[in-house]
Amino acid sequence: DEICAASPHIKLIDKQTQDAIALQYDHAAELKALRLGTSDPGWATYF
């Protein structure tokens, strides 16, 4: 955990992961999917 918190390489990987998600789902769409959960017809695709 200490190495992951301090490593710029891990931070970059985390940022790339966040950016990849944001390409498909902006912040509002993510919040909506999380708020509605499995009752949202698009939940499985999002998840």
ModelCIF file with pLDDT and N, C-alpha, C, O atoms, coordinates in Angstrom:
data_MODEL
#
_entry.id   MODEL 
#
_entity.id                         1 
_entity.type                       polymer 
_entity.pdbx_number_of_molecules   1 
#
_entity_poly.entity_id                      1 
_entity_poly.type                           'polypeptide(L)' 
_entity_poly.nstd_linkage                   no 
_entity_poly.nstd_monomer                   no 
_entity_poly.pdbx_seq_one_letter_code       DEICAASPHIKLIDKQTQDAIALQYDHAAELKALRLGTSDPGWATYF 
_entity_poly.pdbx_seq_one_letter_code_can   DEICAASPHIKLIDKQTQDAIALQYDHAAELKALRLGTSDPGWATYF 
_entity_poly.pdbx_strand_id                 A 
#
loop_
_entity_poly_seq.entity_id 
_entity_poly_seq.num 
_entity_poly_seq.mon_id 
_entity_poly_seq.hetero 
1 1  ASP n 
1 2  GLU n 
1 3  ILE n 
1 4  CYS n 
1 5  ALA n 
1 6  ALA n 
1 7  SER n 
1 8  PRO n 
1 9  HIS n 
1 10 ILE n 
1 11 LYS n 
1 12 LEU n 
1 13 ILE n 
1 14 ASP n 
1 15 LYS n 
1 16 GLN n 
1 17 THR n 
1 18 GLN n 
1 19 ASP n 
1 20 ALA n 
1 21 ILE n 
1 22 ALA n 
1 23 LEU n 
1 24 GLN n 
1 25 TYR n 
1 26 ASP n 
1 27 HIS n 
1 28 ALA n 
1 29 ALA n 
1 30 GLU n 
1 31 LEU n 
1 32 LYS n 
1 33 ALA n 
1 34 LEU n 
1 35 ARG n 
1 36 LEU n 
1 37 GLY n 
1 38 THR n 
1 39 SER n 
1 40 ASP n 
1 41 PRO n 
1 42 GLY n 
1 43 TRP n 
1 44 ALA n 
1 45 THR n 
1 46 TYR n 
1 47 PHE n 
#
_struct_asym.id          A 
_struct_asym.entity_id   1 
#
loop_
_ma_qa_metric.id 
_ma_qa_metric.mode 
_ma_qa_metric.name 
_ma_qa_metric.software_group_id 
_ma_qa_metric.type 
1 global pLDDT . pLDDT 
2 local  pLDDT . pLDDT 
#
_ma_qa_metric_global.metric_id      1 
_ma_qa_metric_global.metric_value   93.38 
_ma_qa_metric_global.model_id       1 
_ma_qa_metric_global.ordinal_id     1 
#
loop_
_ma_qa_metric_local.label_asym_id 
_ma_qa_metric_local.label_comp_id 
_ma_qa_metric_local.label_seq_id 
_ma_qa_metric_local.metric_id 
_ma_qa_metric_local.metric_value 
_ma_qa_metric_local.model_id 
_ma_qa_metric_local.ordinal_id 
A ASP 1  2 97.00 1 1  
A GLU 2  2 97.00 1 2  
A ILE 3  2 98.00 1 3  
A CYS 4  2 97.00 1 4  
A ALA 5  2 97.00 1 5  
A ALA 6  2 98.00 1 6  
A SER 7  2 98.00 1 7  
A PRO 8  2 98.00 1 8  
A HIS 9  2 97.00 1 9  
A ILE 10 2 98.00 1 10 
A LYS 11 2 98.00 1 11 
A LEU 12 2 98.00 1 12 
A ILE 13 2 98.00 1 13 
A ASP 14 2 98.00 1 14 
A LYS 15 2 98.00 1 15 
A GLN 16 2 98.00 1 16 
A THR 17 2 98.00 1 17 
A GLN 18 2 96.00 1 18 
A ASP 19 2 97.00 1 19 
A ALA 20 2 97.00 1 20 
A ILE 21 2 96.00 1 21 
A ALA 22 2 95.00 1 22 
A LEU 23 2 95.00 1 23 
A GLN 24 2 94.00 1 24 
A TYR 25 2 93.00 1 25 
A ASP 26 2 92.00 1 26 
A HIS 27 2 91.00 1 27 
A ALA 28 2 92.00 1 28 
A ALA 29 2 88.00 1 29 
A GLU 30 2 89.00 1 30 
A LEU 31 2 90.00 1 31 
A LYS 32 2 89.00 1 32 
A ALA 33 2 88.00 1 33 
A LEU 34 2 87.00 1 34 
A ARG 35 2 89.00 1 35 
A LEU 36 2 88.00 1 36 
A GLY 37 2 86.00 1 37 
A THR 38 2 88.00 1 38 
A SER 39 2 88.00 1 39 
A ASP 40 2 84.00 1 40 
A PRO 41 2 87.00 1 41 
A GLY 42 2 87.00 1 42 
A TRP 43 2 90.00 1 43 
A ALA 44 2 92.00 1 44 
A THR 45 2 93.00 1 45 
A TYR 46 2 93.00 1 46 
A PHE 47 2 94.00 1 47 
#
loop_
_atom_site.group_PDB 
_atom_site.id 
_atom_site.type_symbol 
_atom_site.label_atom_id 
_atom_site.label_alt_id 
_atom_site.label_comp_id 
_atom_site.label_asym_id 
_atom_site.label_entity_id 
_atom_site.label_seq_id 
_atom_site.pdbx_PDB_ins_code 
_atom_site.Cartn_x 
_atom_site.Cartn_y 
_atom_site.Cartn_z 
_atom_site.occupancy 
_atom_site.B_iso_or_equiv 
_atom_site.pdbx_formal_charge 
_atom_site.auth_seq_id 
_atom_site.auth_comp_id 
_atom_site.auth_asym_id 
_atom_site.auth_atom_id 
_atom_site.pdbx_PDB_model_num 
ATOM 1   N N  . ASP A 1 1  ? 0.823   -1.212 0.000   1.00 97.00 ? 1  ASP A N  1 
ATOM 2   C CA . ASP A 1 1  ? 0.000   0.000  0.000   1.00 97.00 ? 1  ASP A CA 1 
ATOM 3   C C  . ASP A 1 1  ? 0.858   1.263  0.000   1.00 97.00 ? 1  ASP A C  1 
ATOM 4   O O  . ASP A 1 1  ? 0.522   2.238  -0.673  1.00 97.00 ? 1  ASP A O  1 
ATOM 5   N N  . GLU A 1 2  ? 1.969   1.256  0.752   1.00 97.00 ? 2  GLU A N  1 
ATOM 6   C CA . GLU A 1 2  ? 2.860   2.416  0.787   1.00 97.00 ? 2  GLU A CA 1 
ATOM 7   C C  . GLU A 1 2  ? 3.490   2.664  -0.583  1.00 97.00 ? 2  GLU A C  1 
ATOM 8   O O  . GLU A 1 2  ? 3.542   3.801  -1.052  1.00 97.00 ? 2  GLU A O  1 
ATOM 9   N N  . ILE A 1 3  ? 3.963   1.603  -1.217  1.00 98.00 ? 3  ILE A N  1 
ATOM 10  C CA . ILE A 1 3  ? 4.580   1.739  -2.541  1.00 98.00 ? 3  ILE A CA 1 
ATOM 11  C C  . ILE A 1 3  ? 3.551   2.248  -3.542  1.00 98.00 ? 3  ILE A C  1 
ATOM 12  O O  . ILE A 1 3  ? 3.835   3.157  -4.322  1.00 98.00 ? 3  ILE A O  1 
ATOM 13  N N  . CYS A 1 4  ? 2.358   1.664  -3.519  1.00 97.00 ? 4  CYS A N  1 
ATOM 14  C CA . CYS A 1 4  ? 1.315   2.099  -4.453  1.00 97.00 ? 4  CYS A CA 1 
ATOM 15  C C  . CYS A 1 4  ? 0.941   3.565  -4.247  1.00 97.00 ? 4  CYS A C  1 
ATOM 16  O O  . CYS A 1 4  ? 0.697   4.287  -5.214  1.00 97.00 ? 4  CYS A O  1 
ATOM 17  N N  . ALA A 1 5  ? 0.894   4.004  -2.994  1.00 97.00 ? 5  ALA A N  1 
ATOM 18  C CA . ALA A 1 5  ? 0.538   5.394  -2.702  1.00 97.00 ? 5  ALA A CA 1 
ATOM 19  C C  . ALA A 1 5  ? 1.631   6.366  -3.146  1.00 97.00 ? 5  ALA A C  1 
ATOM 20  O O  . ALA A 1 5  ? 1.336   7.509  -3.495  1.00 97.00 ? 5  ALA A O  1 
ATOM 21  N N  . ALA A 1 6  ? 2.889   5.922  -3.135  1.00 98.00 ? 6  ALA A N  1 
ATOM 22  C CA . ALA A 1 6  ? 4.007   6.810  -3.456  1.00 98.00 ? 6  ALA A CA 1 
ATOM 23  C C  . ALA A 1 6  ? 4.460   6.734  -4.907  1.00 98.00 ? 6  ALA A C  1 
ATOM 24  O O  . ALA A 1 6  ? 5.126   7.650  -5.388  1.00 98.00 ? 6  ALA A O  1 
ATOM 25  N N  . SER A 1 7  ? 4.117   5.666  -5.612  1.00 98.00 ? 7  SER A N  1 
ATOM 26  C CA . SER A 1 7  ? 4.651   5.449  -6.951  1.00 98.00 ? 7  SER A CA 1 
ATOM 27  C C  . SER A 1 7  ? 3.937   6.282  -8.016  1.00 98.00 ? 7  SER A C  1 
ATOM 28  O O  . SER A 1 7  ? 2.718   6.185  -8.162  1.00 98.00 ? 7  SER A O  1 
ATOM 29  N N  . PRO A 1 8  ? 4.683   7.098  -8.760  1.00 98.00 ? 8  PRO A N  1 
ATOM 30  C CA . PRO A 1 8  ? 4.056   7.838  -9.851  1.00 98.00 ? 8  PRO A CA 1 
ATOM 31  C C  . PRO A 1 8  ? 3.547   6.910  -10.957 1.00 98.00 ? 8  PRO A C  1 
ATOM 32  O O  . PRO A 1 8  ? 2.622   7.263  -11.688 1.00 98.00 ? 8  PRO A O  1 
ATOM 33  N N  . HIS A 1 9  ? 4.143   5.736  -11.077 1.00 97.00 ? 9  HIS A N  1 
ATOM 34  C CA . HIS A 1 9  ? 3.699   4.779  -12.096 1.00 97.00 ? 9  HIS A CA 1 
ATOM 35  C C  . HIS A 1 9  ? 2.318   4.227  -11.754 1.00 97.00 ? 9  HIS A C  1 
ATOM 36  O O  . HIS A 1 9  ? 1.473   4.069  -12.635 1.00 97.00 ? 9  HIS A O  1 
ATOM 37  N N  . ILE A 1 10 ? 2.095   3.939  -10.489 1.00 98.00 ? 10 ILE A N  1 
ATOM 38  C CA . ILE A 1 10 ? 0.779   3.445  -10.057 1.00 98.00 ? 10 ILE A CA 1 
ATOM 39  C C  . ILE A 1 10 ? -0.258  4.553  -10.198 1.00 98.00 ? 10 ILE A C  1 
ATOM 40  O O  . ILE A 1 10 ? -1.388  4.302  -10.619 1.00 98.00 ? 10 ILE A O  1 
ATOM 41  N N  . LYS A 1 11 ? 0.122   5.765  -9.850  1.00 98.00 ? 11 LYS A N  1 
ATOM 42  C CA . LYS A 1 11 ? -0.798  6.897  -10.011 1.00 98.00 ? 11 LYS A CA 1 
ATOM 43  C C  . LYS A 1 11 ? -1.180  7.074  -11.470 1.00 98.00 ? 11 LYS A C  1 
ATOM 44  O O  . LYS A 1 11 ? -2.334  7.367  -11.783 1.00 98.00 ? 11 LYS A O  1 
ATOM 45  N N  . LEU A 1 12 ? -0.213  6.896  -12.368 1.00 98.00 ? 12 LEU A N  1 
ATOM 46  C CA . LEU A 1 12 ? -0.502  7.006  -13.793 1.00 98.00 ? 12 LEU A CA 1 
ATOM 47  C C  . LEU A 1 12 ? -1.462  5.906  -14.246 1.00 98.00 ? 12 LEU A C  1 
ATOM 48  O O  . LEU A 1 12 ? -2.400  6.168  -14.998 1.00 98.00 ? 12 LEU A O  1 
ATOM 49  N N  . ILE A 1 13 ? -1.231  4.692  -13.794 1.00 98.00 ? 13 ILE A N  1 
ATOM 50  C CA . ILE A 1 13 ? -2.135  3.584  -14.155 1.00 98.00 ? 13 ILE A CA 1 
ATOM 51  C C  . ILE A 1 13 ? -3.541  3.873  -13.637 1.00 98.00 ? 13 ILE A C  1 
ATOM 52  O O  . ILE A 1 13 ? -4.517  3.654  -14.353 1.00 98.00 ? 13 ILE A O  1 
ATOM 53  N N  . ASP A 1 14 ? -3.655  4.358  -12.408 1.00 98.00 ? 14 ASP A N  1 
ATOM 54  C CA . ASP A 1 14 ? -4.972  4.696  -11.850 1.00 98.00 ? 14 ASP A CA 1 
ATOM 55  C C  . ASP A 1 14 ? -5.643  5.787  -12.681 1.00 98.00 ? 14 ASP A C  1 
ATOM 56  O O  . ASP A 1 14 ? -6.845  5.725  -12.937 1.00 98.00 ? 14 ASP A O  1 
ATOM 57  N N  . LYS A 1 15 ? -4.866  6.784  -13.101 1.00 98.00 ? 15 LYS A N  1 
ATOM 58  C CA . LYS A 1 15 ? -5.413  7.872  -13.917 1.00 98.00 ? 15 LYS A CA 1 
ATOM 59  C C  . LYS A 1 15 ? -5.860  7.351  -15.279 1.00 98.00 ? 15 LYS A C  1 
ATOM 60  O O  . LYS A 1 15 ? -6.909  7.756  -15.781 1.00 98.00 ? 15 LYS A O  1 
ATOM 61  N N  . GLN A 1 16 ? -5.082  6.466  -15.877 1.00 98.00 ? 16 GLN A N  1 
ATOM 62  C CA . GLN A 1 16 ? -5.464  5.875  -17.162 1.00 98.00 ? 16 GLN A CA 1 
ATOM 63  C C  . GLN A 1 16 ? -6.762  5.081  -17.026 1.00 98.00 ? 16 GLN A C  1 
ATOM 64  O O  . GLN A 1 16 ? -7.611  5.106  -17.917 1.00 98.00 ? 16 GLN A O  1 
ATOM 65  N N  . THR A 1 17 ? -6.905  4.384  -15.915 1.00 98.00 ? 17 THR A N  1 
ATOM 66  C CA . THR A 1 17 ? -8.131  3.616  -15.666 1.00 98.00 ? 17 THR A CA 1 
ATOM 67  C C  . THR A 1 17 ? -9.327  4.559  -15.536 1.00 98.00 ? 17 THR A C  1 
ATOM 68  O O  . THR A 1 17 ? -10.380 4.320  -16.127 1.00 98.00 ? 17 THR A O  1 
ATOM 69  N N  . GLN A 1 18 ? -9.159  5.622  -14.767 1.00 96.00 ? 18 GLN A N  1 
ATOM 70  C CA . GLN A 1 18 ? -10.232 6.608  -14.604 1.00 96.00 ? 18 GLN A CA 1 
ATOM 71  C C  . GLN A 1 18 ? -10.590 7.254  -15.936 1.00 96.00 ? 18 GLN A C  1 
ATOM 72  O O  . GLN A 1 18 ? -11.767 7.448  -16.242 1.00 96.00 ? 18 GLN A O  1 
ATOM 73  N N  . ASP A 1 19 ? -9.570  7.587  -16.730 1.00 97.00 ? 19 ASP A N  1 
ATOM 74  C CA . ASP A 1 19 ? -9.808  8.210  -18.031 1.00 97.00 ? 19 ASP A CA 1 
ATOM 75  C C  . ASP A 1 19 ? -10.547 7.267  -18.974 1.00 97.00 ? 19 ASP A C  1 
ATOM 76  O O  . ASP A 1 19 ? -11.414 7.695  -19.737 1.00 97.00 ? 19 ASP A O  1 
ATOM 77  N N  . ALA A 1 20 ? -10.196 5.970  -18.917 1.00 97.00 ? 20 ALA A N  1 
ATOM 78  C CA . ALA A 1 20 ? -10.873 4.991  -19.779 1.00 97.00 ? 20 ALA A CA 1 
ATOM 79  C C  . ALA A 1 20 ? -12.358 4.900  -19.416 1.00 97.00 ? 20 ALA A C  1 
ATOM 80  O O  . ALA A 1 20 ? -13.210 4.802  -20.298 1.00 97.00 ? 20 ALA A O  1 
ATOM 81  N N  . ILE A 1 21 ? -12.658 4.931  -18.137 1.00 96.00 ? 21 ILE A N  1 
ATOM 82  C CA . ILE A 1 21 ? -14.065 4.888  -17.699 1.00 96.00 ? 21 ILE A CA 1 
ATOM 83  C C  . ILE A 1 21 ? -14.770 6.168  -18.138 1.00 96.00 ? 21 ILE A C  1 
ATOM 84  O O  . ILE A 1 21 ? -15.905 6.126  -18.611 1.00 96.00 ? 21 ILE A O  1 
ATOM 85  N N  . ALA A 1 22 ? -14.092 7.306  -17.978 1.00 95.00 ? 22 ALA A N  1 
ATOM 86  C CA . ALA A 1 22 ? -14.694 8.595  -18.331 1.00 95.00 ? 22 ALA A CA 1 
ATOM 87  C C  . ALA A 1 22 ? -14.957 8.730  -19.833 1.00 95.00 ? 22 ALA A C  1 
ATOM 88  O O  . ALA A 1 22 ? -15.814 9.512  -20.244 1.00 95.00 ? 22 ALA A O  1 
ATOM 89  N N  . LEU A 1 23 ? -14.224 7.973  -20.649 1.00 95.00 ? 23 LEU A N  1 
ATOM 90  C CA . LEU A 1 23 ? -14.495 8.003  -22.098 1.00 95.00 ? 23 LEU A CA 1 
ATOM 91  C C  . LEU A 1 23 ? -15.908 7.521  -22.403 1.00 95.00 ? 23 LEU A C  1 
ATOM 92  O O  . LEU A 1 23 ? -16.543 7.986  -23.349 1.00 95.00 ? 23 LEU A O  1 
ATOM 93  N N  . GLN A 1 24 ? -16.389 6.590  -21.596 1.00 94.00 ? 24 GLN A N  1 
ATOM 94  C CA . GLN A 1 24 ? -17.696 5.994  -21.832 1.00 94.00 ? 24 GLN A CA 1 
ATOM 95  C C  . GLN A 1 24 ? -18.776 6.581  -20.915 1.00 94.00 ? 24 GLN A C  1 
ATOM 96  O O  . GLN A 1 24 ? -19.938 6.699  -21.306 1.00 94.00 ? 24 GLN A O  1 
ATOM 97  N N  . TYR A 1 25 ? -18.381 6.944  -19.700 1.00 93.00 ? 25 TYR A N  1 
ATOM 98  C CA . TYR A 1 25 ? -19.355 7.405  -18.701 1.00 93.00 ? 25 TYR A CA 1 
ATOM 99  C C  . TYR A 1 25 ? -18.828 8.661  -18.012 1.00 93.00 ? 25 TYR A C  1 
ATOM 100 O O  . TYR A 1 25 ? -17.835 8.612  -17.286 1.00 93.00 ? 25 TYR A O  1 
ATOM 101 N N  . ASP A 1 26 ? -19.503 9.785  -18.247 1.00 92.00 ? 26 ASP A N  1 
ATOM 102 C CA . ASP A 1 26 ? -19.096 10.989 -17.524 1.00 92.00 ? 26 ASP A CA 1 
ATOM 103 C C  . ASP A 1 26 ? -19.530 10.856 -16.064 1.00 92.00 ? 26 ASP A C  1 
ATOM 104 O O  . ASP A 1 26 ? -20.195 9.892  -15.686 1.00 92.00 ? 26 ASP A O  1 
ATOM 105 N N  . HIS A 1 27 ? -19.146 11.832 -15.262 1.00 91.00 ? 27 HIS A N  1 
ATOM 106 C CA . HIS A 1 27 ? -19.389 11.775 -13.822 1.00 91.00 ? 27 HIS A CA 1 
ATOM 107 C C  . HIS A 1 27 ? -20.885 11.592 -13.514 1.00 91.00 ? 27 HIS A C  1 
ATOM 108 O O  . HIS A 1 27 ? -21.254 10.770 -12.675 1.00 91.00 ? 27 HIS A O  1 
ATOM 109 N N  . ALA A 1 28 ? -21.731 12.354 -14.191 1.00 92.00 ? 28 ALA A N  1 
ATOM 110 C CA . ALA A 1 28 ? -23.174 12.283 -13.941 1.00 92.00 ? 28 ALA A CA 1 
ATOM 111 C C  . ALA A 1 28 ? -23.730 10.905 -14.308 1.00 92.00 ? 28 ALA A C  1 
ATOM 112 O O  . ALA A 1 28 ? -24.567 10.359 -13.589 1.00 92.00 ? 28 ALA A O  1 
ATOM 113 N N  . ALA A 1 29 ? -23.260 10.342 -15.431 1.00 88.00 ? 29 ALA A N  1 
ATOM 114 C CA . ALA A 1 29 ? -23.746 9.016  -15.847 1.00 88.00 ? 29 ALA A CA 1 
ATOM 115 C C  . ALA A 1 29 ? -23.306 7.945  -14.857 1.00 88.00 ? 29 ALA A C  1 
ATOM 116 O O  . ALA A 1 29 ? -24.053 7.009  -14.571 1.00 88.00 ? 29 ALA A O  1 
ATOM 117 N N  . GLU A 1 30 ? -22.094 8.088  -14.337 1.00 89.00 ? 30 GLU A N  1 
ATOM 118 C CA . GLU A 1 30 ? -21.620 7.122  -13.342 1.00 89.00 ? 30 GLU A CA 1 
ATOM 119 C C  . GLU A 1 30 ? -22.451 7.203  -12.066 1.00 89.00 ? 30 GLU A C  1 
ATOM 120 O O  . GLU A 1 30 ? -22.868 6.185  -11.515 1.00 89.00 ? 30 GLU A O  1 
ATOM 121 N N  . LEU A 1 31 ? -22.683 8.425  -11.607 1.00 90.00 ? 31 LEU A N  1 
ATOM 122 C CA . LEU A 1 31 ? -23.481 8.586  -10.385 1.00 90.00 ? 31 LEU A CA 1 
ATOM 123 C C  . LEU A 1 31 ? -24.881 8.009  -10.570 1.00 90.00 ? 31 LEU A C  1 
ATOM 124 O O  . LEU A 1 31 ? -25.421 7.364  -9.672  1.00 90.00 ? 31 LEU A O  1 
ATOM 125 N N  . LYS A 1 32 ? -25.459 8.246  -11.737 1.00 89.00 ? 32 LYS A N  1 
ATOM 126 C CA . LYS A 1 32 ? -26.792 7.709  -12.006 1.00 89.00 ? 32 LYS A CA 1 
ATOM 127 C C  . LYS A 1 32 ? -26.766 6.186  -11.984 1.00 89.00 ? 32 LYS A C  1 
ATOM 128 O O  . LYS A 1 32 ? -27.628 5.560  -11.368 1.00 89.00 ? 32 LYS A O  1 
ATOM 129 N N  . ALA A 1 33 ? -25.784 5.587  -12.653 1.00 88.00 ? 33 ALA A N  1 
ATOM 130 C CA . ALA A 1 33 ? -25.692 4.126  -12.687 1.00 88.00 ? 33 ALA A CA 1 
ATOM 131 C C  . ALA A 1 33 ? -25.511 3.574  -11.273 1.00 88.00 ? 33 ALA A C  1 
ATOM 132 O O  . ALA A 1 33 ? -26.125 2.570  -10.912 1.00 88.00 ? 33 ALA A O  1 
ATOM 133 N N  . LEU A 1 34 ? -24.681 4.221  -10.485 1.00 87.00 ? 34 LEU A N  1 
ATOM 134 C CA . LEU A 1 34 ? -24.447 3.752  -9.115  1.00 87.00 ? 34 LEU A CA 1 
ATOM 135 C C  . LEU A 1 34 ? -25.686 3.962  -8.242  1.00 87.00 ? 34 LEU A C  1 
ATOM 136 O O  . LEU A 1 34 ? -25.998 3.125  -7.395  1.00 87.00 ? 34 LEU A O  1 
ATOM 137 N N  . ARG A 1 35 ? -26.385 5.068  -8.445  1.00 89.00 ? 35 ARG A N  1 
ATOM 138 C CA . ARG A 1 35 ? -27.577 5.358  -7.647  1.00 89.00 ? 35 ARG A CA 1 
ATOM 139 C C  . ARG A 1 35 ? -28.702 4.376  -7.955  1.00 89.00 ? 35 ARG A C  1 
ATOM 140 O O  . ARG A 1 35 ? -29.388 3.900  -7.051  1.00 89.00 ? 35 ARG A O  1 
ATOM 141 N N  . LEU A 1 36 ? -28.883 4.078  -9.235  1.00 88.00 ? 36 LEU A N  1 
ATOM 142 C CA . LEU A 1 36 ? -29.968 3.173  -9.622  1.00 88.00 ? 36 LEU A CA 1 
ATOM 143 C C  . LEU A 1 36 ? -29.597 1.705  -9.471  1.00 88.00 ? 36 LEU A C  1 
ATOM 144 O O  . LEU A 1 36 ? -30.459 0.849  -9.273  1.00 88.00 ? 36 LEU A O  1 
ATOM 145 N N  . GLY A 1 37 ? -28.294 1.425  -9.568  1.00 86.00 ? 37 GLY A N  1 
ATOM 146 C CA . GLY A 1 37 ? -27.840 0.040  -9.398  1.00 86.00 ? 37 GLY A CA 1 
ATOM 147 C C  . GLY A 1 37 ? -28.483 -0.905 -10.386 1.00 86.00 ? 37 GLY A C  1 
ATOM 148 O O  . GLY A 1 37 ? -28.673 -0.562 -11.553 1.00 86.00 ? 37 GLY A O  1 
ATOM 149 N N  . THR A 1 38 ? -28.816 -2.085 -9.923  1.00 88.00 ? 38 THR A N  1 
ATOM 150 C CA . THR A 1 38 ? -29.336 -3.130 -10.811 1.00 88.00 ? 38 THR A CA 1 
ATOM 151 C C  . THR A 1 38 ? -30.717 -2.827 -11.368 1.00 88.00 ? 38 THR A C  1 
ATOM 152 O O  . THR A 1 38 ? -31.175 -3.510 -12.284 1.00 88.00 ? 38 THR A O  1 
ATOM 153 N N  . SER A 1 39 ? -31.394 -1.802 -10.826 1.00 88.00 ? 39 SER A N  1 
ATOM 154 C CA . SER A 1 39 ? -32.700 -1.440 -11.389 1.00 88.00 ? 39 SER A CA 1 
ATOM 155 C C  . SER A 1 39 ? -32.552 -0.664 -12.697 1.00 88.00 ? 39 SER A C  1 
ATOM 156 O O  . SER A 1 39 ? -33.524 -0.495 -13.432 1.00 88.00 ? 39 SER A O  1 
ATOM 157 N N  . ASP A 1 40 ? -31.348 -0.197 -12.986 1.00 84.00 ? 40 ASP A N  1 
ATOM 158 C CA . ASP A 1 40 ? -31.073 0.525  -14.232 1.00 84.00 ? 40 ASP A CA 1 
ATOM 159 C C  . ASP A 1 40 ? -30.864 -0.493 -15.345 1.00 84.00 ? 40 ASP A C  1 
ATOM 160 O O  . ASP A 1 40 ? -30.034 -1.390 -15.198 1.00 84.00 ? 40 ASP A O  1 
ATOM 161 N N  . PRO A 1 41 ? -31.597 -0.381 -16.462 1.00 87.00 ? 41 PRO A N  1 
ATOM 162 C CA . PRO A 1 41 ? -31.419 -1.333 -17.558 1.00 87.00 ? 41 PRO A CA 1 
ATOM 163 C C  . PRO A 1 41 ? -29.987 -1.340 -18.121 1.00 87.00 ? 41 PRO A C  1 
ATOM 164 O O  . PRO A 1 41 ? -29.553 -2.344 -18.686 1.00 87.00 ? 41 PRO A O  1 
ATOM 165 N N  . GLY A 1 42 ? -29.263 -0.241 -17.971 1.00 87.00 ? 42 GLY A N  1 
ATOM 166 C CA . GLY A 1 42 ? -27.894 -0.177 -18.481 1.00 87.00 ? 42 GLY A CA 1 
ATOM 167 C C  . GLY A 1 42 ? -26.849 -0.612 -17.457 1.00 87.00 ? 42 GLY A C  1 
ATOM 168 O O  . GLY A 1 42 ? -25.649 -0.521 -17.714 1.00 87.00 ? 42 GLY A O  1 
ATOM 169 N N  . TRP A 1 43 ? -27.304 -1.081 -16.299 1.00 90.00 ? 43 TRP A N  1 
ATOM 170 C CA . TRP A 1 43 ? -26.374 -1.441 -15.221 1.00 90.00 ? 43 TRP A CA 1 
ATOM 171 C C  . TRP A 1 43 ? -25.365 -2.501 -15.650 1.00 90.00 ? 43 TRP A C  1 
ATOM 172 O O  . TRP A 1 43 ? -24.167 -2.348 -15.411 1.00 90.00 ? 43 TRP A O  1 
ATOM 173 N N  . ALA A 1 44 ? -25.829 -3.549 -16.268 1.00 92.00 ? 44 ALA A N  1 
ATOM 174 C CA . ALA A 1 44 ? -24.924 -4.653 -16.646 1.00 92.00 ? 44 ALA A CA 1 
ATOM 175 C C  . ALA A 1 44 ? -23.844 -4.156 -17.604 1.00 92.00 ? 44 ALA A C  1 
ATOM 176 O O  . ALA A 1 44 ? -22.681 -4.539 -17.475 1.00 92.00 ? 44 ALA A O  1 
ATOM 177 N N  . THR A 1 45 ? -24.215 -3.310 -18.559 1.00 93.00 ? 45 THR A N  1 
ATOM 178 C CA . THR A 1 45 ? -23.248 -2.772 -19.507 1.00 93.00 ? 45 THR A CA 1 
ATOM 179 C C  . THR A 1 45 ? -22.236 -1.888 -18.781 1.00 93.00 ? 45 THR A C  1 
ATOM 180 O O  . THR A 1 45 ? -21.031 -1.988 -19.010 1.00 93.00 ? 45 THR A O  1 
ATOM 181 N N  . TYR A 1 46 ? -22.742 -1.026 -17.906 1.00 93.00 ? 46 TYR A N  1 
ATOM 182 C CA . TYR A 1 46 ? -21.862 -0.153 -17.124 1.00 93.00 ? 46 TYR A CA 1 
ATOM 183 C C  . TYR A 1 46 ? -20.915 -0.995 -16.261 1.00 93.00 ? 46 TYR A C  1 
ATOM 184 O O  . TYR A 1 46 ? -19.702 -0.784 -16.277 1.00 93.00 ? 46 TYR A O  1 
ATOM 185 N N  . PHE A 1 47 ? -21.463 -1.928 -15.527 1.00 94.00 ? 47 PHE A N  1 
ATOM 186 C CA . PHE A 1 47 ? -20.668 -2.741 -14.606 1.00 94.00 ? 47 PHE A CA 1 
ATOM 187 C C  . PHE A 1 47 ? -19.589 -3.525 -15.360 1.00 94.00 ? 47 PHE A C  1 
ATOM 188 O O  . PHE A 1 47 ? -18.822 -4.266 -14.745 1.00 94.00 ? 47 PHE A O  1 
#
